[in-house]
Amino acid sequence: LGIDKFYVIGISGGAPYTAACAWKMPSRIIMAGI
């Protein structure tokens, strides 16, 4: 999609996936919300 840096947000069962992204690619995640 041509996106370099971005925010991620996950709800309920999406929370572990949000945490995984924040942990594995901190240089691309601006902020993560659960």
PDB file of all heavy atoms in Angstrom:
ATOM      1  N   LEU A   1       0.813  -1.210   0.000  1.00  0.00           N
ATOM      2  CA  LEU A   1       0.000   0.000   0.000  1.00  0.00           C
ATOM      3  C   LEU A   1       0.853   1.269   0.000  1.00  0.00           C
ATOM      4  O   LEU A   1       0.311   2.381   0.023  1.00  0.00           O
ATOM      5  CB  LEU A   1      -0.938   0.015   1.208  1.00  0.00           C
ATOM      6  CG  LEU A   1      -2.335  -0.592   0.994  1.00  0.00           C
ATOM      7  CD1 LEU A   1      -2.239  -2.070   0.640  1.00  0.00           C
ATOM      8  CD2 LEU A   1      -3.212  -0.396   2.214  1.00  0.00           C
ATOM      9  N   GLY A   2       2.185   1.101  -0.017  1.00  0.00           N
ATOM     10  CA  GLY A   2       3.076   2.260  -0.031  1.00  0.00           C
ATOM     11  C   GLY A   2       3.128   2.990   1.299  1.00  0.00           C
ATOM     12  O   GLY A   2       3.387   4.195   1.351  1.00  0.00           O
ATOM     13  N   ILE A   3       2.906   2.253   2.392  1.00  0.00           N
ATOM     14  CA  ILE A   3       2.926   2.857   3.728  1.00  0.00           C
ATOM     15  C   ILE A   3       4.221   2.469   4.425  1.00  0.00           C
ATOM     16  O   ILE A   3       4.536   1.291   4.563  1.00  0.00           O
ATOM     17  CB  ILE A   3       1.718   2.375   4.561  1.00  0.00           C
ATOM     18  CG1 ILE A   3       0.402   2.761   3.887  1.00  0.00           C
ATOM     19  CG2 ILE A   3       1.791   2.928   5.971  1.00  0.00           C
ATOM     20  CD1 ILE A   3      -0.824   2.132   4.527  1.00  0.00           C
ATOM     21  N   ASP A   4       4.968   3.465   4.888  1.00  0.00           N
ATOM     22  CA  ASP A   4       6.235   3.200   5.565  1.00  0.00           C
ATOM     23  C   ASP A   4       6.014   3.003   7.061  1.00  0.00           C
ATOM     24  O   ASP A   4       6.217   1.926   7.600  1.00  0.00           O
ATOM     25  CB  ASP A   4       7.218   4.343   5.314  1.00  0.00           C
ATOM     26  CG  ASP A   4       8.554   4.113   5.997  1.00  0.00           C
ATOM     27  OD1 ASP A   4       8.898   2.944   6.255  1.00  0.00           O
ATOM     28  OD2 ASP A   4       9.266   5.107   6.280  1.00  0.00           O
ATOM     29  N   LYS A   5       5.552   4.046   7.741  1.00  0.00           N
ATOM     30  CA  LYS A   5       5.308   3.967   9.179  1.00  0.00           C
ATOM     31  C   LYS A   5       3.812   4.112   9.433  1.00  0.00           C
ATOM     32  O   LYS A   5       3.117   4.821   8.714  1.00  0.00           O
ATOM     33  CB  LYS A   5       6.093   5.052   9.920  1.00  0.00           C
ATOM     34  CG  LYS A   5       7.593   4.895   9.725  1.00  0.00           C
ATOM     35  CD  LYS A   5       8.363   5.781  10.677  1.00  0.00           C
ATOM     36  CE  LYS A   5       9.858   5.523  10.474  1.00  0.00           C
ATOM     37  NZ  LYS A   5      10.661   5.881  11.627  1.00  0.00           N
ATOM     38  N   PHE A   6       3.340   3.439  10.475  1.00  0.00           N
ATOM     39  CA  PHE A   6       1.905   3.402  10.711  1.00  0.00           C
ATOM     40  C   PHE A   6       1.595   3.067  12.169  1.00  0.00           C
ATOM     41  O   PHE A   6       2.465   2.640  12.928  1.00  0.00           O
ATOM     42  CB  PHE A   6       1.244   2.373   9.783  1.00  0.00           C
ATOM     43  CG  PHE A   6       1.919   1.027   9.777  1.00  0.00           C
ATOM     44  CD1 PHE A   6       1.525   0.013  10.632  1.00  0.00           C
ATOM     45  CD2 PHE A   6       2.984   0.781   8.902  1.00  0.00           C
ATOM     46  CE1 PHE A   6       2.164  -1.229  10.618  1.00  0.00           C
ATOM     47  CE2 PHE A   6       3.623  -0.454   8.879  1.00  0.00           C
ATOM     48  CZ  PHE A   6       3.209  -1.457   9.747  1.00  0.00           C
ATOM     49  N   TYR A   7       0.351   3.305  12.531  1.00  0.00           N
ATOM     50  CA  TYR A   7      -0.168   2.947  13.847  1.00  0.00           C
ATOM     51  C   TYR A   7      -0.849   1.585  13.741  1.00  0.00           C
ATOM     52  O   TYR A   7      -1.340   1.217  12.679  1.00  0.00           O
ATOM     53  CB  TYR A   7      -1.211   3.962  14.314  1.00  0.00           C
ATOM     54  CG  TYR A   7      -0.710   5.379  14.441  1.00  0.00           C
ATOM     55  CD1 TYR A   7      -0.571   6.195  13.316  1.00  0.00           C
ATOM     56  CD2 TYR A   7      -0.393   5.919  15.692  1.00  0.00           C
ATOM     57  CE1 TYR A   7      -0.124   7.505  13.429  1.00  0.00           C
ATOM     58  CE2 TYR A   7       0.058   7.235  15.810  1.00  0.00           C
ATOM     59  CZ  TYR A   7       0.190   8.017  14.680  1.00  0.00           C
ATOM     60  OH  TYR A   7       0.628   9.308  14.790  1.00  0.00           O
ATOM     61  N   VAL A   8      -0.886   0.847  14.849  1.00  0.00           N
ATOM     62  CA  VAL A   8      -1.659  -0.396  14.887  1.00  0.00           C
ATOM     63  C   VAL A   8      -2.561  -0.369  16.109  1.00  0.00           C
ATOM     64  O   VAL A   8      -2.206   0.191  17.155  1.00  0.00           O
ATOM     65  CB  VAL A   8      -0.783  -1.672  14.921  1.00  0.00           C
ATOM     66  CG1 VAL A   8      -0.110  -1.906  13.589  1.00  0.00           C
ATOM     67  CG2 VAL A   8       0.243  -1.621  16.041  1.00  0.00           C
ATOM     68  N   ILE A   9      -3.739  -0.941  15.949  1.00  0.00           N
ATOM     69  CA  ILE A   9      -4.677  -1.035  17.065  1.00  0.00           C
ATOM     70  C   ILE A   9      -5.403  -2.369  16.964  1.00  0.00           C
ATOM     71  O   ILE A   9      -5.770  -2.800  15.874  1.00  0.00           O
ATOM     72  CB  ILE A   9      -5.658   0.157  17.055  1.00  0.00           C
ATOM     73  CG1 ILE A   9      -6.545   0.143  18.298  1.00  0.00           C
ATOM     74  CG2 ILE A   9      -6.514   0.188  15.795  1.00  0.00           C
ATOM     75  CD1 ILE A   9      -7.319   1.422  18.497  1.00  0.00           C
ATOM     76  N   GLY A  10      -5.564  -3.034  18.105  1.00  0.00           N
ATOM     77  CA  GLY A  10      -6.246  -4.324  18.112  1.00  0.00           C
ATOM     78  C   GLY A  10      -7.239  -4.403  19.250  1.00  0.00           C
ATOM     79  O   GLY A  10      -7.023  -3.823  20.321  1.00  0.00           O
ATOM     80  N   ILE A  11      -8.326  -5.110  19.016  1.00  0.00           N
ATOM     81  CA  ILE A  11      -9.355  -5.280  20.037  1.00  0.00           C
ATOM     82  C   ILE A  11      -9.519  -6.759  20.362  1.00  0.00           C
ATOM     83  O   ILE A  11      -9.447  -7.604  19.463  1.00  0.00           O
ATOM     84  CB  ILE A  11     -10.698  -4.655  19.575  1.00  0.00           C
ATOM     85  CG1 ILE A  11     -11.725  -4.665  20.714  1.00  0.00           C
ATOM     86  CG2 ILE A  11     -11.257  -5.361  18.349  1.00  0.00           C
ATOM     87  CD1 ILE A  11     -12.961  -3.830  20.430  1.00  0.00           C
ATOM     88  N   SER A  12      -9.653  -7.078  21.625  1.00  0.00           N
ATOM     89  CA  SER A  12      -9.931  -8.432  22.079  1.00  0.00           C
ATOM     90  C   SER A  12      -8.914  -9.430  21.512  1.00  0.00           C
ATOM     91  O   SER A  12      -7.733  -9.349  21.807  1.00  0.00           O
ATOM     92  CB  SER A  12     -11.370  -8.803  21.712  1.00  0.00           C
ATOM     93  OG  SER A  12     -11.752 -10.013  22.297  1.00  0.00           O
ATOM     94  N   GLY A  13      -9.376 -10.360  20.656  1.00  0.00           N
ATOM     95  CA  GLY A  13      -8.474 -11.362  20.084  1.00  0.00           C
ATOM     96  C   GLY A  13      -7.429 -10.803  19.146  1.00  0.00           C
ATOM     97  O   GLY A  13      -6.482 -11.492  18.771  1.00  0.00           O
ATOM     98  N   GLY A  14      -7.558  -9.529  18.754  1.00  0.00           N
ATOM     99  CA  GLY A  14      -6.545  -8.884  17.925  1.00  0.00           C
ATOM    100  C   GLY A  14      -5.383  -8.336  18.733  1.00  0.00           C
ATOM    101  O   GLY A  14      -4.355  -7.933  18.169  1.00  0.00           O
ATOM    102  N   ALA A  15      -5.524  -8.336  20.070  1.00  0.00           N
ATOM    103  CA  ALA A  15      -4.494  -7.761  20.933  1.00  0.00           C
ATOM    104  C   ALA A  15      -3.130  -8.457  20.823  1.00  0.00           C
ATOM    105  O   ALA A  15      -2.099  -7.782  20.704  1.00  0.00           O
ATOM    106  CB  ALA A  15      -4.974  -7.768  22.381  1.00  0.00           C
ATOM    107  N   PRO A  16      -3.079  -9.807  20.864  1.00  0.00           N
ATOM    108  CA  PRO A  16      -1.766 -10.451  20.760  1.00  0.00           C
ATOM    109  C   PRO A  16      -1.044 -10.110  19.451  1.00  0.00           C
ATOM    110  O   PRO A  16       0.182 -10.003  19.417  1.00  0.00           O
ATOM    111  CB  PRO A  16      -2.091 -11.949  20.831  1.00  0.00           C
ATOM    112  CG  PRO A  16      -3.424 -12.019  21.498  1.00  0.00           C
ATOM    113  CD  PRO A  16      -4.149 -10.797  21.068  1.00  0.00           C
ATOM    114  N   TYR A  17      -1.805  -9.915  18.383  1.00  0.00           N
ATOM    115  CA  TYR A  17      -1.217  -9.597  17.078  1.00  0.00           C
ATOM    116  C   TYR A  17      -0.686  -8.160  17.062  1.00  0.00           C
ATOM    117  O   TYR A  17       0.319  -7.869  16.417  1.00  0.00           O
ATOM    118  CB  TYR A  17      -2.255  -9.821  15.976  1.00  0.00           C
ATOM    119  CG  TYR A  17      -2.692 -11.263  15.906  1.00  0.00           C
ATOM    120  CD1 TYR A  17      -3.769 -11.723  16.652  1.00  0.00           C
ATOM    121  CD2 TYR A  17      -1.996 -12.185  15.124  1.00  0.00           C
ATOM    122  CE1 TYR A  17      -4.148 -13.058  16.621  1.00  0.00           C
ATOM    123  CE2 TYR A  17      -2.364 -13.514  15.081  1.00  0.00           C
ATOM    124  CZ  TYR A  17      -3.438 -13.949  15.835  1.00  0.00           C
ATOM    125  OH  TYR A  17      -3.793 -15.276  15.798  1.00  0.00           O
ATOM    126  N   THR A  18      -1.358  -7.292  17.795  1.00  0.00           N
ATOM    127  CA  THR A  18      -0.891  -5.917  17.936  1.00  0.00           C
ATOM    128  C   THR A  18       0.433  -5.896  18.688  1.00  0.00           C
ATOM    129  O   THR A  18       1.387  -5.227  18.281  1.00  0.00           O
ATOM    130  CB  THR A  18      -1.940  -5.076  18.701  1.00  0.00           C
ATOM    131  OG1 THR A  18      -3.191  -5.185  18.033  1.00  0.00           O
ATOM    132  CG2 THR A  18      -1.531  -3.627  18.794  1.00  0.00           C
ATOM    133  N   ALA A  19       0.484  -6.635  19.798  1.00  0.00           N
ATOM    134  CA  ALA A  19       1.707  -6.699  20.601  1.00  0.00           C
ATOM    135  C   ALA A  19       2.858  -7.309  19.798  1.00  0.00           C
ATOM    136  O   ALA A  19       3.999  -6.856  19.882  1.00  0.00           O
ATOM    137  CB  ALA A  19       1.456  -7.510  21.873  1.00  0.00           C
ATOM    138  N   ALA A  20       2.552  -8.334  18.998  1.00  0.00           N
ATOM    139  CA  ALA A  20       3.590  -8.981  18.185  1.00  0.00           C
ATOM    140  C   ALA A  20       4.185  -8.004  17.181  1.00  0.00           C
ATOM    141  O   ALA A  20       5.405  -7.974  16.965  1.00  0.00           O
ATOM    142  CB  ALA A  20       3.000 -10.192  17.459  1.00  0.00           C
ATOM    143  N   CYS A  21       3.338  -7.172  16.566  1.00  0.00           N
ATOM    144  CA  CYS A  21       3.826  -6.190  15.597  1.00  0.00           C
ATOM    145  C   CYS A  21       4.695  -5.141  16.276  1.00  0.00           C
ATOM    146  O   CYS A  21       5.758  -4.760  15.768  1.00  0.00           O
ATOM    147  CB  CYS A  21       2.658  -5.505  14.885  1.00  0.00           C
ATOM    148  SG  CYS A  21       1.853  -6.546  13.656  1.00  0.00           S
ATOM    149  N   ALA A  22       4.237  -4.649  17.443  1.00  0.00           N
ATOM    150  CA  ALA A  22       5.008  -3.634  18.170  1.00  0.00           C
ATOM    151  C   ALA A  22       6.379  -4.178  18.576  1.00  0.00           C
ATOM    152  O   ALA A  22       7.378  -3.455  18.552  1.00  0.00           O
ATOM    153  CB  ALA A  22       4.229  -3.178  19.394  1.00  0.00           C
ATOM    154  N   TRP A  23       6.427  -5.474  18.929  1.00  0.00           N
ATOM    155  CA  TRP A  23       7.685  -6.081  19.363  1.00  0.00           C
ATOM    156  C   TRP A  23       8.613  -6.363  18.185  1.00  0.00           C
ATOM    157  O   TRP A  23       9.820  -6.128  18.263  1.00  0.00           O
ATOM    158  CB  TRP A  23       7.390  -7.389  20.111  1.00  0.00           C
ATOM    159  CG  TRP A  23       8.619  -8.070  20.608  1.00  0.00           C
ATOM    160  CD1 TRP A  23       9.328  -7.775  21.737  1.00  0.00           C
ATOM    161  CD2 TRP A  23       9.314  -9.157  19.970  1.00  0.00           C
ATOM    162  NE1 TRP A  23      10.408  -8.611  21.846  1.00  0.00           N
ATOM    163  CE2 TRP A  23      10.433  -9.468  20.778  1.00  0.00           C
ATOM    164  CE3 TRP A  23       9.092  -9.886  18.799  1.00  0.00           C
ATOM    165  CZ2 TRP A  23      11.316 -10.485  20.456  1.00  0.00           C
ATOM    166  CZ3 TRP A  23       9.976 -10.901  18.482  1.00  0.00           C
ATOM    167  CH2 TRP A  23      11.068 -11.190  19.302  1.00  0.00           C
ATOM    168  N   LYS A  24       8.048  -6.835  17.069  1.00  0.00           N
ATOM    169  CA  LYS A  24       8.888  -7.311  15.970  1.00  0.00           C
ATOM    170  C   LYS A  24       9.306  -6.213  15.000  1.00  0.00           C
ATOM    171  O   LYS A  24      10.329  -6.352  14.325  1.00  0.00           O
ATOM    172  CB  LYS A  24       8.164  -8.432  15.211  1.00  0.00           C
ATOM    173  CG  LYS A  24       9.103  -9.229  14.306  1.00  0.00           C
ATOM    174  CD  LYS A  24       8.456 -10.496  13.800  1.00  0.00           C
ATOM    175  CE  LYS A  24       9.416 -11.305  12.937  1.00  0.00           C
ATOM    176  NZ  LYS A  24       8.802 -12.549  12.420  1.00  0.00           N
ATOM    177  N   MET A  25       8.528  -5.138  14.864  1.00  0.00           N
ATOM    178  CA  MET A  25       8.942  -4.080  13.929  1.00  0.00           C
ATOM    179  C   MET A  25       8.776  -2.688  14.547  1.00  0.00           C
ATOM    180  O   MET A  25       7.995  -1.876  14.066  1.00  0.00           O
ATOM    181  CB  MET A  25       8.206  -4.203  12.601  1.00  0.00           C
ATOM    182  CG  MET A  25       6.716  -4.399  12.675  1.00  0.00           C
ATOM    183  SD  MET A  25       6.008  -4.442  10.996  1.00  0.00           S
ATOM    184  CE  MET A  25       4.351  -4.947  11.353  1.00  0.00           C
ATOM    185  N   PRO A  26       9.541  -2.430  15.607  1.00  0.00           N
ATOM    186  CA  PRO A  26       9.422  -1.139  16.297  1.00  0.00           C
ATOM    187  C   PRO A  26       9.807   0.056  15.429  1.00  0.00           C
ATOM    188  O   PRO A  26       9.355   1.174  15.685  1.00  0.00           O
ATOM    189  CB  PRO A  26      10.379  -1.282  17.486  1.00  0.00           C
ATOM    190  CG  PRO A  26      11.361  -2.330  17.064  1.00  0.00           C
ATOM    191  CD  PRO A  26      10.573  -3.283  16.217  1.00  0.00           C
ATOM    192  N   SER A  27      10.620  -0.165  14.402  1.00  0.00           N
ATOM    193  CA  SER A  27      11.030   0.961  13.553  1.00  0.00           C
ATOM    194  C   SER A  27       9.903   1.443  12.641  1.00  0.00           C
ATOM    195  O   SER A  27       9.952   2.550  12.122  1.00  0.00           O
ATOM    196  CB  SER A  27      12.250   0.575  12.708  1.00  0.00           C
ATOM    197  OG  SER A  27      11.926  -0.474  11.821  1.00  0.00           O
ATOM    198  N   ARG A  28       8.864   0.617  12.460  1.00  0.00           N
ATOM    199  CA  ARG A  28       7.763   0.993  11.568  1.00  0.00           C
ATOM    200  C   ARG A  28       6.486   1.371  12.315  1.00  0.00           C
ATOM    201  O   ARG A  28       5.636   2.064  11.767  1.00  0.00           O
ATOM    202  CB  ARG A  28       7.462  -0.136  10.582  1.00  0.00           C
ATOM    203  CG  ARG A  28       8.627  -0.456   9.661  1.00  0.00           C
ATOM    204  CD  ARG A  28       8.213  -1.368   8.517  1.00  0.00           C
ATOM    205  NE  ARG A  28       7.335  -0.700   7.568  1.00  0.00           N
ATOM    206  CZ  ARG A  28       6.960  -1.247   6.407  1.00  0.00           C
ATOM    207  NH1 ARG A  28       7.405  -2.455   6.076  1.00  0.00           N
ATOM    208  NH2 ARG A  28       6.167  -0.600   5.587  1.00  0.00           N
ATOM    209  N   ILE A  29       6.359   0.893  13.549  1.00  0.00           N
ATOM    210  CA  ILE A  29       5.153   1.167  14.326  1.00  0.00           C
ATOM    211  C   ILE A  29       5.326   2.485  15.079  1.00  0.00           C
ATOM    212  O   ILE A  29       6.213   2.625  15.918  1.00  0.00           O
ATOM    213  CB  ILE A  29       4.867   0.033  15.326  1.00  0.00           C
ATOM    214  CG1 ILE A  29       4.743  -1.316  14.619  1.00  0.00           C
ATOM    215  CG2 ILE A  29       3.619   0.341  16.139  1.00  0.00           C
ATOM    216  CD1 ILE A  29       3.582  -1.449  13.691  1.00  0.00           C
ATOM    217  N   ILE A  30       4.469   3.448  14.779  1.00  0.00           N
ATOM    218  CA  ILE A  30       4.518   4.739  15.467  1.00  0.00           C
ATOM    219  C   ILE A  30       3.965   4.591  16.885  1.00  0.00           C
ATOM    220  O   ILE A  30       4.536   5.083  17.856  1.00  0.00           O
ATOM    221  CB  ILE A  30       3.699   5.796  14.693  1.00  0.00           C
ATOM    222  CG1 ILE A  30       4.265   5.976  13.278  1.00  0.00           C
ATOM    223  CG2 ILE A  30       3.678   7.130  15.450  1.00  0.00           C
ATOM    224  CD1 ILE A  30       3.360   6.764  12.344  1.00  0.00           C
ATOM    225  N   MET A  31       2.843   3.891  16.986  1.00  0.00           N
ATOM    226  CA  MET A  31       2.203   3.667  18.284  1.00  0.00           C
ATOM    227  C   MET A  31       1.283   2.462  18.161  1.00  0.00           C
ATOM    228  O   MET A  31       0.712   2.228  17.102  1.00  0.00           O
ATOM    229  CB  MET A  31       1.404   4.904  18.702  1.00  0.00           C
ATOM    230  CG  MET A  31       0.841   4.843  20.112  1.00  0.00           C
ATOM    231  SD  MET A  31      -0.087   6.354  20.541  1.00  0.00           S
ATOM    232  CE  MET A  31       1.246   7.558  20.586  1.00  0.00           C
ATOM    233  N   ALA A  32       1.175   1.711  19.257  1.00  0.00           N
ATOM    234  CA  ALA A  32       0.282   0.541  19.277  1.00  0.00           C
ATOM    235  C   ALA A  32      -0.754   0.721  20.370  1.00  0.00           C
ATOM    236  O   ALA A  32      -0.440   1.167  21.473  1.00  0.00           O
ATOM    237  CB  ALA A  32       1.087  -0.733  19.518  1.00  0.00           C
ATOM    238  N   GLY A  33      -2.006   0.390  20.044  1.00  0.00           N
ATOM    239  CA  GLY A  33      -3.081   0.484  21.022  1.00  0.00           C
ATOM    240  C   GLY A  33      -3.823  -0.828  21.147  1.00  0.00           C
ATOM    241  O   GLY A  33      -4.056  -1.512  20.150  1.00  0.00           O
ATOM    242  N   ILE A  34      -4.173  -1.186  22.380  1.00  0.00           N
ATOM    243  CA  ILE A  34      -4.906  -2.424  22.641  1.00  0.00           C
ATOM    244  C   ILE A  34      -6.180  -2.082  23.417  1.00  0.00           C
ATOM    245  O   ILE A  34      -6.130  -1.339  24.404  1.00  0.00           O
ATOM    246  CB  ILE A  34      -4.041  -3.423  23.435  1.00  0.00           C
ATOM    247  CG1 ILE A  34      -2.925  -3.972  22.534  1.00  0.00           C
ATOM    248  CG2 ILE A  34      -4.887  -4.559  23.999  1.00  0.00           C
ATOM    249  CD1 ILE A  34      -1.934  -4.871  23.242  1.00  0.00           C
TER     250      ILE A  34
END
